[in-house]
Amino acid sequence: MCFGTRSGLRTLSAMSSWLLRGLAMTAVHVIARVLLGVAVVNAPLHSTVWKTIAIAAVVLIAVIWGGIDGTADARANPDPDDYEDLTVRWLQAGLLAGVLAGIIGWALGRFVFAGIGEANLFVEVIAGGSFTALLIFAPAFVGAAIGRWLVRRDQRKADADDDWSVHPDRDGEHVAG
């Protein structure tokens, strides 16, 4: 691939976009998992609360970041046909985060911190990675949709005079009533 051309730069930018999101969400998931391990070891009777908080933190960050992406994309492209493909971007980010978080979680649980988990590498990467990918992809997708919807709603409010059914220049024979 030639990075000197315009399409090469677009490809590099698109790759760094999902790569950045994937690496950041990997860090978020691993930090949440380590903090969850510490909390469960110190207060095992409250593990359900700690697990809920850890999952909610990852989901909240994915929703907010997806919403920021959707808002920025809708503002940059007023026509919905020109929107960026945020679905694939967040799917790639989720898959990367799932695999990396599974490997890192397995390594930390095996060699560093006993409270994280006892699953083998295959289970961590396949089952844990799939769960992590969905935990990131689905909320980010919803966030992007909400962000786009909010921008489109504001754009429609600003273009209220485009409604010819109530426009004063509309001819009298088409007026309802």
N, C-alpha and C. Protein backbone atom coordinates (compact mmCIF):
# COMPACT_ATOMS: atom_id res chain seq x y z
N MET A 1 0.85 -1.17 0.00
CA MET A 1 0.00 0.00 0.00
C MET A 1 0.89 1.23 0.00
N CYS A 2 0.53 2.17 -0.80
CA CYS A 2 1.29 3.41 -0.94
C CYS A 2 0.64 4.48 -0.07
N PHE A 3 1.39 5.00 0.88
CA PHE A 3 0.82 6.00 1.79
C PHE A 3 0.93 7.41 1.25
N GLY A 4 1.56 7.59 0.09
CA GLY A 4 1.71 8.92 -0.48
C GLY A 4 0.48 9.41 -1.21
N THR A 5 -0.42 8.53 -1.55
CA THR A 5 -1.62 8.93 -2.28
C THR A 5 -2.73 9.30 -1.32
N ARG A 6 -3.73 9.98 -1.86
CA ARG A 6 -4.87 10.40 -1.04
C ARG A 6 -5.62 9.19 -0.49
N SER A 7 -5.84 8.16 -1.31
CA SER A 7 -6.56 6.97 -0.83
C SER A 7 -5.72 6.23 0.21
N GLY A 8 -4.41 6.25 0.05
CA GLY A 8 -3.54 5.62 1.04
C GLY A 8 -3.63 6.32 2.39
N LEU A 9 -3.70 7.64 2.36
CA LEU A 9 -3.84 8.40 3.60
C LEU A 9 -5.20 8.16 4.25
N ARG A 10 -6.25 8.05 3.42
CA ARG A 10 -7.57 7.75 3.96
C ARG A 10 -7.59 6.37 4.61
N THR A 11 -6.93 5.41 3.97
CA THR A 11 -6.86 4.06 4.53
C THR A 11 -6.09 4.06 5.83
N LEU A 12 -4.98 4.77 5.88
CA LEU A 12 -4.19 4.87 7.10
C LEU A 12 -4.99 5.55 8.20
N SER A 13 -5.72 6.61 7.86
CA SER A 13 -6.53 7.31 8.84
C SER A 13 -7.65 6.42 9.36
N ALA A 14 -8.30 5.67 8.46
CA ALA A 14 -9.38 4.78 8.89
C ALA A 14 -8.83 3.68 9.79
N MET A 15 -7.63 3.16 9.47
CA MET A 15 -7.05 2.11 10.29
C MET A 15 -6.68 2.65 11.67
N SER A 16 -6.07 3.83 11.70
CA SER A 16 -5.68 4.38 12.99
C SER A 16 -6.90 4.73 13.83
N SER A 17 -8.02 5.03 13.16
CA SER A 17 -9.24 5.37 13.87
C SER A 17 -9.74 4.19 14.70
N TRP A 18 -9.92 3.02 14.09
CA TRP A 18 -10.40 1.86 14.85
C TRP A 18 -9.30 1.32 15.75
N LEU A 19 -8.05 1.46 15.34
CA LEU A 19 -6.95 0.98 16.16
C LEU A 19 -6.86 1.78 17.46
N LEU A 20 -6.98 3.09 17.35
CA LEU A 20 -6.98 3.95 18.54
C LEU A 20 -8.12 3.59 19.47
N ARG A 21 -9.32 3.43 18.92
CA ARG A 21 -10.47 3.08 19.73
C ARG A 21 -10.30 1.70 20.37
N GLY A 22 -9.80 0.76 19.60
CA GLY A 22 -9.59 -0.59 20.12
C GLY A 22 -8.58 -0.63 21.25
N LEU A 23 -7.47 0.08 21.07
CA LEU A 23 -6.44 0.09 22.13
C LEU A 23 -6.93 0.82 23.38
N ALA A 24 -7.62 1.92 23.18
CA ALA A 24 -8.15 2.66 24.34
C ALA A 24 -9.19 1.82 25.09
N MET A 25 -10.08 1.17 24.35
CA MET A 25 -11.10 0.35 25.01
C MET A 25 -10.49 -0.90 25.63
N THR A 26 -9.38 -1.39 25.08
CA THR A 26 -8.65 -2.48 25.74
C THR A 26 -8.17 -2.02 27.10
N ALA A 27 -7.57 -0.84 27.13
CA ALA A 27 -7.08 -0.30 28.40
C ALA A 27 -8.22 -0.11 29.39
N VAL A 28 -9.34 0.42 28.92
CA VAL A 28 -10.50 0.61 29.81
C VAL A 28 -10.96 -0.72 30.37
N HIS A 29 -11.07 -1.73 29.52
CA HIS A 29 -11.55 -3.04 29.97
C HIS A 29 -10.57 -3.70 30.93
N VAL A 30 -9.28 -3.63 30.63
CA VAL A 30 -8.28 -4.25 31.51
C VAL A 30 -8.25 -3.54 32.86
N ILE A 31 -8.32 -2.22 32.86
CA ILE A 31 -8.33 -1.48 34.13
C ILE A 31 -9.58 -1.84 34.93
N ALA A 32 -10.73 -1.89 34.25
CA ALA A 32 -11.97 -2.27 34.95
C ALA A 32 -11.86 -3.68 35.52
N ARG A 33 -11.24 -4.57 34.78
CA ARG A 33 -11.11 -5.95 35.24
C ARG A 33 -10.15 -6.08 36.42
N VAL A 34 -9.06 -5.32 36.38
CA VAL A 34 -8.12 -5.34 37.51
C VAL A 34 -8.78 -4.75 38.75
N LEU A 35 -9.46 -3.62 38.59
CA LEU A 35 -10.15 -3.02 39.73
C LEU A 35 -11.25 -3.93 40.25
N LEU A 36 -11.93 -4.63 39.36
CA LEU A 36 -12.94 -5.61 39.76
C LEU A 36 -12.30 -6.74 40.55
N GLY A 37 -11.14 -7.21 40.11
CA GLY A 37 -10.44 -8.27 40.83
C GLY A 37 -10.04 -7.83 42.23
N VAL A 38 -9.53 -6.62 42.34
CA VAL A 38 -9.16 -6.09 43.66
C VAL A 38 -10.39 -5.97 44.55
N ALA A 39 -11.47 -5.44 44.00
CA ALA A 39 -12.70 -5.26 44.79
C ALA A 39 -13.29 -6.59 45.23
N VAL A 40 -13.29 -7.58 44.35
CA VAL A 40 -13.88 -8.88 44.69
C VAL A 40 -13.03 -9.61 45.72
N VAL A 41 -11.72 -9.49 45.63
CA VAL A 41 -10.84 -10.13 46.61
C VAL A 41 -11.03 -9.47 47.98
N ASN A 42 -11.19 -8.15 48.02
CA ASN A 42 -11.33 -7.44 49.29
C ASN A 42 -12.73 -7.47 49.86
N ALA A 43 -13.75 -7.58 49.01
CA ALA A 43 -15.15 -7.60 49.47
C ALA A 43 -15.92 -8.63 48.65
N PRO A 44 -15.69 -9.91 48.87
CA PRO A 44 -16.29 -10.95 48.02
C PRO A 44 -17.82 -11.02 48.11
N LEU A 45 -18.41 -10.56 49.21
CA LEU A 45 -19.86 -10.62 49.33
C LEU A 45 -20.58 -9.59 48.44
N HIS A 46 -19.84 -8.62 47.95
CA HIS A 46 -20.42 -7.57 47.11
C HIS A 46 -19.98 -7.71 45.65
N SER A 47 -19.65 -8.92 45.24
CA SER A 47 -19.10 -9.11 43.90
C SER A 47 -20.09 -8.74 42.80
N THR A 48 -21.38 -8.95 43.02
CA THR A 48 -22.37 -8.60 42.00
C THR A 48 -22.38 -7.10 41.77
N VAL A 49 -22.29 -6.33 42.82
CA VAL A 49 -22.26 -4.87 42.69
C VAL A 49 -21.02 -4.43 41.94
N TRP A 50 -19.87 -5.01 42.29
CA TRP A 50 -18.61 -4.64 41.64
C TRP A 50 -18.63 -5.01 40.17
N LYS A 51 -19.18 -6.18 39.84
CA LYS A 51 -19.25 -6.60 38.43
C LYS A 51 -20.16 -5.66 37.65
N THR A 52 -21.26 -5.28 38.24
CA THR A 52 -22.19 -4.36 37.58
C THR A 52 -21.53 -3.01 37.32
N ILE A 53 -20.79 -2.52 38.29
CA ILE A 53 -20.10 -1.23 38.14
C ILE A 53 -19.04 -1.32 37.06
N ALA A 54 -18.28 -2.41 37.02
CA ALA A 54 -17.22 -2.58 36.02
C ALA A 54 -17.81 -2.62 34.61
N ILE A 55 -18.87 -3.41 34.43
CA ILE A 55 -19.50 -3.49 33.11
C ILE A 55 -20.12 -2.16 32.73
N ALA A 56 -20.77 -1.50 33.68
CA ALA A 56 -21.39 -0.21 33.40
C ALA A 56 -20.35 0.83 32.99
N ALA A 57 -19.17 0.79 33.59
CA ALA A 57 -18.12 1.74 33.24
C ALA A 57 -17.67 1.54 31.79
N VAL A 58 -17.45 0.30 31.39
CA VAL A 58 -17.03 0.01 30.01
C VAL A 58 -18.13 0.41 29.03
N VAL A 59 -19.37 0.07 29.35
CA VAL A 59 -20.50 0.40 28.48
C VAL A 59 -20.67 1.91 28.38
N LEU A 60 -20.59 2.61 29.49
CA LEU A 60 -20.76 4.06 29.49
C LEU A 60 -19.70 4.76 28.63
N ILE A 61 -18.46 4.33 28.74
CA ILE A 61 -17.40 4.93 27.94
C ILE A 61 -17.63 4.64 26.46
N ALA A 62 -18.06 3.42 26.13
CA ALA A 62 -18.33 3.09 24.72
C ALA A 62 -19.51 3.90 24.18
N VAL A 63 -20.56 4.08 24.97
CA VAL A 63 -21.72 4.87 24.52
C VAL A 63 -21.32 6.32 24.30
N ILE A 64 -20.58 6.88 25.23
CA ILE A 64 -20.17 8.29 25.11
C ILE A 64 -19.26 8.49 23.90
N TRP A 65 -18.27 7.61 23.73
CA TRP A 65 -17.35 7.75 22.60
C TRP A 65 -18.08 7.52 21.28
N GLY A 66 -18.96 6.54 21.24
CA GLY A 66 -19.77 6.34 20.03
C GLY A 66 -20.65 7.54 19.74
N GLY A 67 -21.22 8.14 20.79
CA GLY A 67 -22.03 9.34 20.61
C GLY A 67 -21.23 10.51 20.08
N ILE A 68 -20.02 10.65 20.57
CA ILE A 68 -19.14 11.71 20.06
C ILE A 68 -18.83 11.47 18.59
N ASP A 69 -18.54 10.20 18.24
CA ASP A 69 -18.29 9.86 16.83
C ASP A 69 -19.51 10.16 15.96
N GLY A 70 -20.69 9.76 16.41
CA GLY A 70 -21.91 9.99 15.64
C GLY A 70 -22.21 11.46 15.47
N THR A 71 -22.01 12.22 16.52
CA THR A 71 -22.25 13.67 16.45
C THR A 71 -21.28 14.33 15.48
N ALA A 72 -20.01 14.00 15.60
CA ALA A 72 -18.99 14.58 14.71
C ALA A 72 -19.25 14.19 13.26
N ASP A 73 -19.64 12.94 13.04
CA ASP A 73 -19.89 12.48 11.68
C ASP A 73 -21.11 13.16 11.08
N ALA A 74 -22.17 13.31 11.85
CA ALA A 74 -23.38 13.96 11.34
C ALA A 74 -23.14 15.45 11.07
N ARG A 75 -22.32 16.09 11.85
CA ARG A 75 -22.00 17.50 11.60
C ARG A 75 -21.11 17.65 10.37
N ALA A 76 -20.20 16.70 10.16
CA ALA A 76 -19.30 16.77 9.01
C ALA A 76 -20.02 16.40 7.71
N ASN A 77 -21.04 15.57 7.80
CA ASN A 77 -21.77 15.10 6.62
C ASN A 77 -23.27 15.34 6.82
N PRO A 78 -23.78 16.48 6.38
CA PRO A 78 -25.20 16.76 6.59
C PRO A 78 -26.13 15.77 5.89
N ASP A 79 -25.68 15.18 4.79
CA ASP A 79 -26.49 14.20 4.08
C ASP A 79 -26.22 12.81 4.67
N PRO A 80 -27.24 12.12 5.17
CA PRO A 80 -27.03 10.80 5.76
C PRO A 80 -26.39 9.78 4.80
N ASP A 81 -26.54 10.00 3.51
CA ASP A 81 -25.91 9.08 2.55
C ASP A 81 -24.39 9.20 2.57
N ASP A 82 -23.87 10.28 3.11
CA ASP A 82 -22.43 10.51 3.15
C ASP A 82 -21.79 10.14 4.49
N TYR A 83 -22.56 9.60 5.40
CA TYR A 83 -22.01 9.26 6.72
C TYR A 83 -20.87 8.25 6.61
N GLU A 84 -19.93 8.36 7.53
CA GLU A 84 -18.84 7.38 7.64
C GLU A 84 -19.41 6.06 8.12
N ASP A 85 -18.68 4.99 7.90
CA ASP A 85 -19.12 3.67 8.34
C ASP A 85 -18.62 3.42 9.76
N LEU A 86 -19.35 3.96 10.73
CA LEU A 86 -18.97 3.81 12.13
C LEU A 86 -19.23 2.39 12.63
N THR A 87 -20.10 1.66 11.97
CA THR A 87 -20.41 0.30 12.38
C THR A 87 -19.17 -0.58 12.29
N VAL A 88 -18.51 -0.54 11.14
CA VAL A 88 -17.32 -1.36 10.94
C VAL A 88 -16.18 -0.85 11.82
N ARG A 89 -16.07 0.46 11.95
CA ARG A 89 -15.00 1.03 12.78
C ARG A 89 -15.11 0.51 14.22
N TRP A 90 -16.32 0.54 14.78
CA TRP A 90 -16.49 0.09 16.16
C TRP A 90 -16.48 -1.43 16.28
N LEU A 91 -16.89 -2.13 15.24
CA LEU A 91 -16.78 -3.59 15.27
C LEU A 91 -15.32 -4.01 15.30
N GLN A 92 -14.49 -3.40 14.46
CA GLN A 92 -13.06 -3.70 14.46
C GLN A 92 -12.43 -3.33 15.81
N ALA A 93 -12.82 -2.18 16.35
CA ALA A 93 -12.28 -1.77 17.65
C ALA A 93 -12.69 -2.75 18.74
N GLY A 94 -13.94 -3.19 18.71
CA GLY A 94 -14.42 -4.14 19.71
C GLY A 94 -13.72 -5.48 19.61
N LEU A 95 -13.51 -5.97 18.38
CA LEU A 95 -12.82 -7.25 18.19
C LEU A 95 -11.37 -7.17 18.66
N LEU A 96 -10.70 -6.06 18.32
CA LEU A 96 -9.33 -5.88 18.77
C LEU A 96 -9.27 -5.82 20.30
N ALA A 97 -10.14 -5.04 20.87
CA ALA A 97 -10.17 -4.92 22.34
C ALA A 97 -10.50 -6.26 22.99
N GLY A 98 -11.40 -7.02 22.39
CA GLY A 98 -11.76 -8.31 22.96
C GLY A 98 -10.58 -9.28 22.99
N VAL A 99 -9.88 -9.38 21.88
CA VAL A 99 -8.74 -10.30 21.81
C VAL A 99 -7.62 -9.83 22.73
N LEU A 100 -7.27 -8.55 22.65
CA LEU A 100 -6.17 -8.05 23.49
C LEU A 100 -6.51 -8.10 24.98
N ALA A 101 -7.73 -7.73 25.33
CA ALA A 101 -8.12 -7.77 26.74
C ALA A 101 -8.14 -9.21 27.25
N GLY A 102 -8.54 -10.16 26.39
CA GLY A 102 -8.51 -11.57 26.78
C GLY A 102 -7.09 -12.06 27.04
N ILE A 103 -6.18 -11.71 26.16
CA ILE A 103 -4.78 -12.13 26.33
C ILE A 103 -4.17 -11.46 27.56
N ILE A 104 -4.39 -10.16 27.70
CA ILE A 104 -3.82 -9.44 28.84
C ILE A 104 -4.45 -9.93 30.15
N GLY A 105 -5.76 -10.13 30.15
CA GLY A 105 -6.42 -10.64 31.35
C GLY A 105 -5.93 -12.02 31.74
N TRP A 106 -5.72 -12.88 30.75
CA TRP A 106 -5.18 -14.22 31.03
C TRP A 106 -3.78 -14.12 31.61
N ALA A 107 -2.93 -13.28 31.00
CA ALA A 107 -1.55 -13.14 31.48
C ALA A 107 -1.52 -12.56 32.90
N LEU A 108 -2.34 -11.55 33.15
CA LEU A 108 -2.38 -10.98 34.50
C LEU A 108 -2.90 -11.98 35.52
N GLY A 109 -3.95 -12.71 35.16
CA GLY A 109 -4.51 -13.69 36.08
C GLY A 109 -3.59 -14.87 36.32
N ARG A 110 -2.81 -15.22 35.34
CA ARG A 110 -1.92 -16.38 35.45
C ARG A 110 -0.62 -16.05 36.17
N PHE A 111 -0.06 -14.88 35.89
CA PHE A 111 1.29 -14.58 36.37
C PHE A 111 1.38 -13.45 37.40
N VAL A 112 0.38 -12.59 37.48
CA VAL A 112 0.51 -11.40 38.33
C VAL A 112 -0.51 -11.35 39.44
N PHE A 113 -1.79 -11.50 39.09
CA PHE A 113 -2.86 -11.21 40.03
C PHE A 113 -3.86 -12.35 40.02
N ALA A 114 -3.99 -13.03 41.12
CA ALA A 114 -4.80 -14.24 41.17
C ALA A 114 -6.30 -13.97 41.19
N GLY A 115 -6.75 -12.78 41.47
CA GLY A 115 -8.17 -12.50 41.59
C GLY A 115 -8.91 -12.22 40.30
N ILE A 116 -8.20 -12.17 39.17
CA ILE A 116 -8.83 -11.79 37.91
C ILE A 116 -9.61 -12.94 37.30
N GLY A 117 -9.09 -14.14 37.33
CA GLY A 117 -9.80 -15.26 36.75
C GLY A 117 -8.89 -16.47 36.58
N GLU A 118 -9.52 -17.59 36.34
CA GLU A 118 -8.77 -18.84 36.24
C GLU A 118 -8.95 -19.55 34.91
N ALA A 119 -9.55 -18.90 33.92
CA ALA A 119 -9.81 -19.54 32.64
C ALA A 119 -8.51 -19.69 31.84
N ASN A 120 -8.50 -20.70 30.95
CA ASN A 120 -7.31 -20.86 30.11
C ASN A 120 -7.33 -19.84 28.98
N LEU A 121 -6.23 -19.77 28.24
CA LEU A 121 -6.08 -18.74 27.21
C LEU A 121 -7.15 -18.84 26.13
N PHE A 122 -7.47 -20.05 25.69
CA PHE A 122 -8.47 -20.23 24.65
C PHE A 122 -9.83 -19.68 25.09
N VAL A 123 -10.23 -19.98 26.30
CA VAL A 123 -11.52 -19.49 26.80
C VAL A 123 -11.50 -17.97 26.95
N GLU A 124 -10.41 -17.44 27.44
CA GLU A 124 -10.30 -15.98 27.61
C GLU A 124 -10.41 -15.26 26.27
N VAL A 125 -9.72 -15.77 25.25
CA VAL A 125 -9.71 -15.09 23.96
C VAL A 125 -11.04 -15.28 23.23
N ILE A 126 -11.57 -16.50 23.22
CA ILE A 126 -12.79 -16.76 22.45
C ILE A 126 -14.03 -16.27 23.20
N ALA A 127 -14.28 -16.78 24.38
CA ALA A 127 -15.49 -16.41 25.11
C ALA A 127 -15.39 -14.99 25.68
N GLY A 128 -14.31 -14.72 26.38
CA GLY A 128 -14.14 -13.38 26.96
C GLY A 128 -13.99 -12.32 25.89
N GLY A 129 -13.27 -12.66 24.82
CA GLY A 129 -13.09 -11.70 23.72
C GLY A 129 -14.40 -11.38 23.02
N SER A 130 -15.24 -12.40 22.83
CA SER A 130 -16.55 -12.18 22.20
C SER A 130 -17.42 -11.29 23.07
N PHE A 131 -17.43 -11.57 24.36
CA PHE A 131 -18.22 -10.75 25.28
C PHE A 131 -17.72 -9.31 25.30
N THR A 132 -16.41 -9.14 25.35
CA THR A 132 -15.84 -7.80 25.37
C THR A 132 -16.14 -7.07 24.07
N ALA A 133 -16.04 -7.77 22.94
CA ALA A 133 -16.34 -7.13 21.65
C ALA A 133 -17.78 -6.63 21.62
N LEU A 134 -18.71 -7.44 22.09
CA LEU A 134 -20.11 -7.00 22.12
C LEU A 134 -20.34 -5.91 23.15
N LEU A 135 -19.61 -5.98 24.25
CA LEU A 135 -19.74 -4.98 25.31
C LEU A 135 -19.28 -3.60 24.82
N ILE A 136 -18.41 -3.59 23.83
CA ILE A 136 -17.91 -2.34 23.27
C ILE A 136 -18.70 -1.95 22.02
N PHE A 137 -18.93 -2.90 21.13
CA PHE A 137 -19.56 -2.60 19.84
C PHE A 137 -21.01 -2.14 19.98
N ALA A 138 -21.81 -2.89 20.69
CA ALA A 138 -23.24 -2.57 20.77
C ALA A 138 -23.50 -1.20 21.40
N PRO A 139 -22.90 -0.87 22.55
CA PRO A 139 -23.13 0.48 23.11
C PRO A 139 -22.57 1.60 22.23
N ALA A 140 -21.43 1.37 21.59
CA ALA A 140 -20.87 2.40 20.72
C ALA A 140 -21.77 2.63 19.51
N PHE A 141 -22.34 1.57 18.99
CA PHE A 141 -23.27 1.67 17.87
C PHE A 141 -24.51 2.46 18.28
N VAL A 142 -25.05 2.17 19.45
CA VAL A 142 -26.21 2.90 19.96
C VAL A 142 -25.83 4.36 20.20
N GLY A 143 -24.67 4.60 20.77
CA GLY A 143 -24.22 5.97 20.99
C GLY A 143 -24.07 6.76 19.70
N ALA A 144 -23.51 6.11 18.67
CA ALA A 144 -23.36 6.78 17.37
C ALA A 144 -24.73 7.11 16.78
N ALA A 145 -25.66 6.18 16.89
CA ALA A 145 -27.01 6.42 16.37
C ALA A 145 -27.68 7.58 17.11
N ILE A 146 -27.53 7.62 18.42
CA ILE A 146 -28.13 8.72 19.20
C ILE A 146 -27.46 10.04 18.85
N GLY A 147 -26.12 10.04 18.72
CA GLY A 147 -25.42 11.27 18.35
C GLY A 147 -25.85 11.80 16.99
N ARG A 148 -25.98 10.90 16.02
CA ARG A 148 -26.45 11.31 14.70
C ARG A 148 -27.88 11.83 14.76
N TRP A 149 -28.73 11.15 15.51
CA TRP A 149 -30.12 11.55 15.63
C TRP A 149 -30.23 12.94 16.25
N LEU A 150 -29.44 13.22 17.28
CA LEU A 150 -29.48 14.54 17.92
C LEU A 150 -29.07 15.64 16.96
N VAL A 151 -28.03 15.39 16.17
CA VAL A 151 -27.59 16.41 15.21
C VAL A 151 -28.64 16.61 14.13
N ARG A 152 -29.20 15.51 13.62
CA ARG A 152 -30.23 15.62 12.59
C ARG A 152 -31.46 16.35 13.12
N ARG A 153 -31.83 16.10 14.36
CA ARG A 153 -32.97 16.79 14.97
C ARG A 153 -32.71 18.29 15.03
N ASP A 154 -31.50 18.68 15.44
CA ASP A 154 -31.15 20.10 15.49
C ASP A 154 -31.12 20.71 14.09
N GLN A 155 -30.66 19.94 13.10
CA GLN A 155 -30.64 20.45 11.73
C GLN A 155 -32.07 20.66 11.22
N ARG A 156 -32.97 19.74 11.55
CA ARG A 156 -34.36 19.88 11.11
C ARG A 156 -35.03 21.09 11.78
N LYS A 157 -34.69 21.36 13.03
CA LYS A 157 -35.25 22.52 13.72
C LYS A 157 -34.76 23.81 13.05
N ALA A 158 -33.51 23.82 12.63
CA ALA A 158 -32.95 25.00 11.99
C ALA A 158 -33.53 25.21 10.60
N ASP A 159 -33.98 24.16 9.94
CA ASP A 159 -34.54 24.24 8.59
C ASP A 159 -36.06 24.15 8.61
N ALA A 160 -36.69 24.75 9.58
CA ALA A 160 -38.15 24.64 9.72
C ALA A 160 -38.89 25.32 8.57
N ASP A 161 -38.27 26.31 7.90
CA ASP A 161 -38.96 27.01 6.82
C ASP A 161 -39.00 26.19 5.53
N ASP A 162 -38.43 25.01 5.51
CA ASP A 162 -38.48 24.14 4.34
C ASP A 162 -39.78 23.36 4.24
N ASP A 163 -40.63 23.43 5.23
CA ASP A 163 -41.89 22.70 5.21
C ASP A 163 -42.91 23.48 4.38
N TRP A 164 -43.15 23.05 3.15
CA TRP A 164 -44.04 23.76 2.24
C TRP A 164 -45.51 23.59 2.59
N SER A 165 -45.83 22.67 3.46
CA SER A 165 -47.24 22.51 3.83
C SER A 165 -47.74 23.70 4.66
N VAL A 166 -46.84 24.42 5.28
CA VAL A 166 -47.22 25.58 6.08
C VAL A 166 -46.59 26.87 5.58
N HIS A 167 -45.91 26.81 4.44
CA HIS A 167 -45.20 27.98 3.91
C HIS A 167 -46.20 29.00 3.34
N PRO A 168 -46.02 30.30 3.60
CA PRO A 168 -46.98 31.32 3.13
C PRO A 168 -47.01 31.46 1.61
N ASP A 169 -46.01 31.06 0.90
CA ASP A 169 -45.99 31.20 -0.57
C ASP A 169 -46.69 30.04 -1.28
N ARG A 170 -47.18 29.08 -0.54
CA ARG A 170 -47.86 27.94 -1.16
C ARG A 170 -49.19 28.40 -1.74
N ASP A 171 -49.53 27.90 -2.92
CA ASP A 171 -50.77 28.33 -3.57
C ASP A 171 -51.99 27.84 -2.80
N GLY A 172 -53.08 28.57 -2.90
CA GLY A 172 -54.29 28.35 -2.11
C GLY A 172 -55.01 27.04 -2.37
N GLU A 173 -54.89 26.46 -3.55
CA GLU A 173 -55.66 25.25 -3.83
C GLU A 173 -55.12 24.03 -3.10
N HIS A 174 -53.92 24.09 -2.60
CA HIS A 174 -53.35 22.92 -1.89
C HIS A 174 -53.42 23.06 -0.38
N VAL A 175 -53.99 24.12 0.11
CA VAL A 175 -54.06 24.35 1.55
C VAL A 175 -55.14 23.45 2.13
N ALA A 176 -54.79 22.75 3.18
CA ALA A 176 -55.76 21.85 3.83
C ALA A 176 -56.74 22.68 4.65
N GLY A 177 -57.96 22.18 4.74
CA GLY A 177 -58.86 22.79 5.67
C GLY A 177 -60.03 23.35 5.08
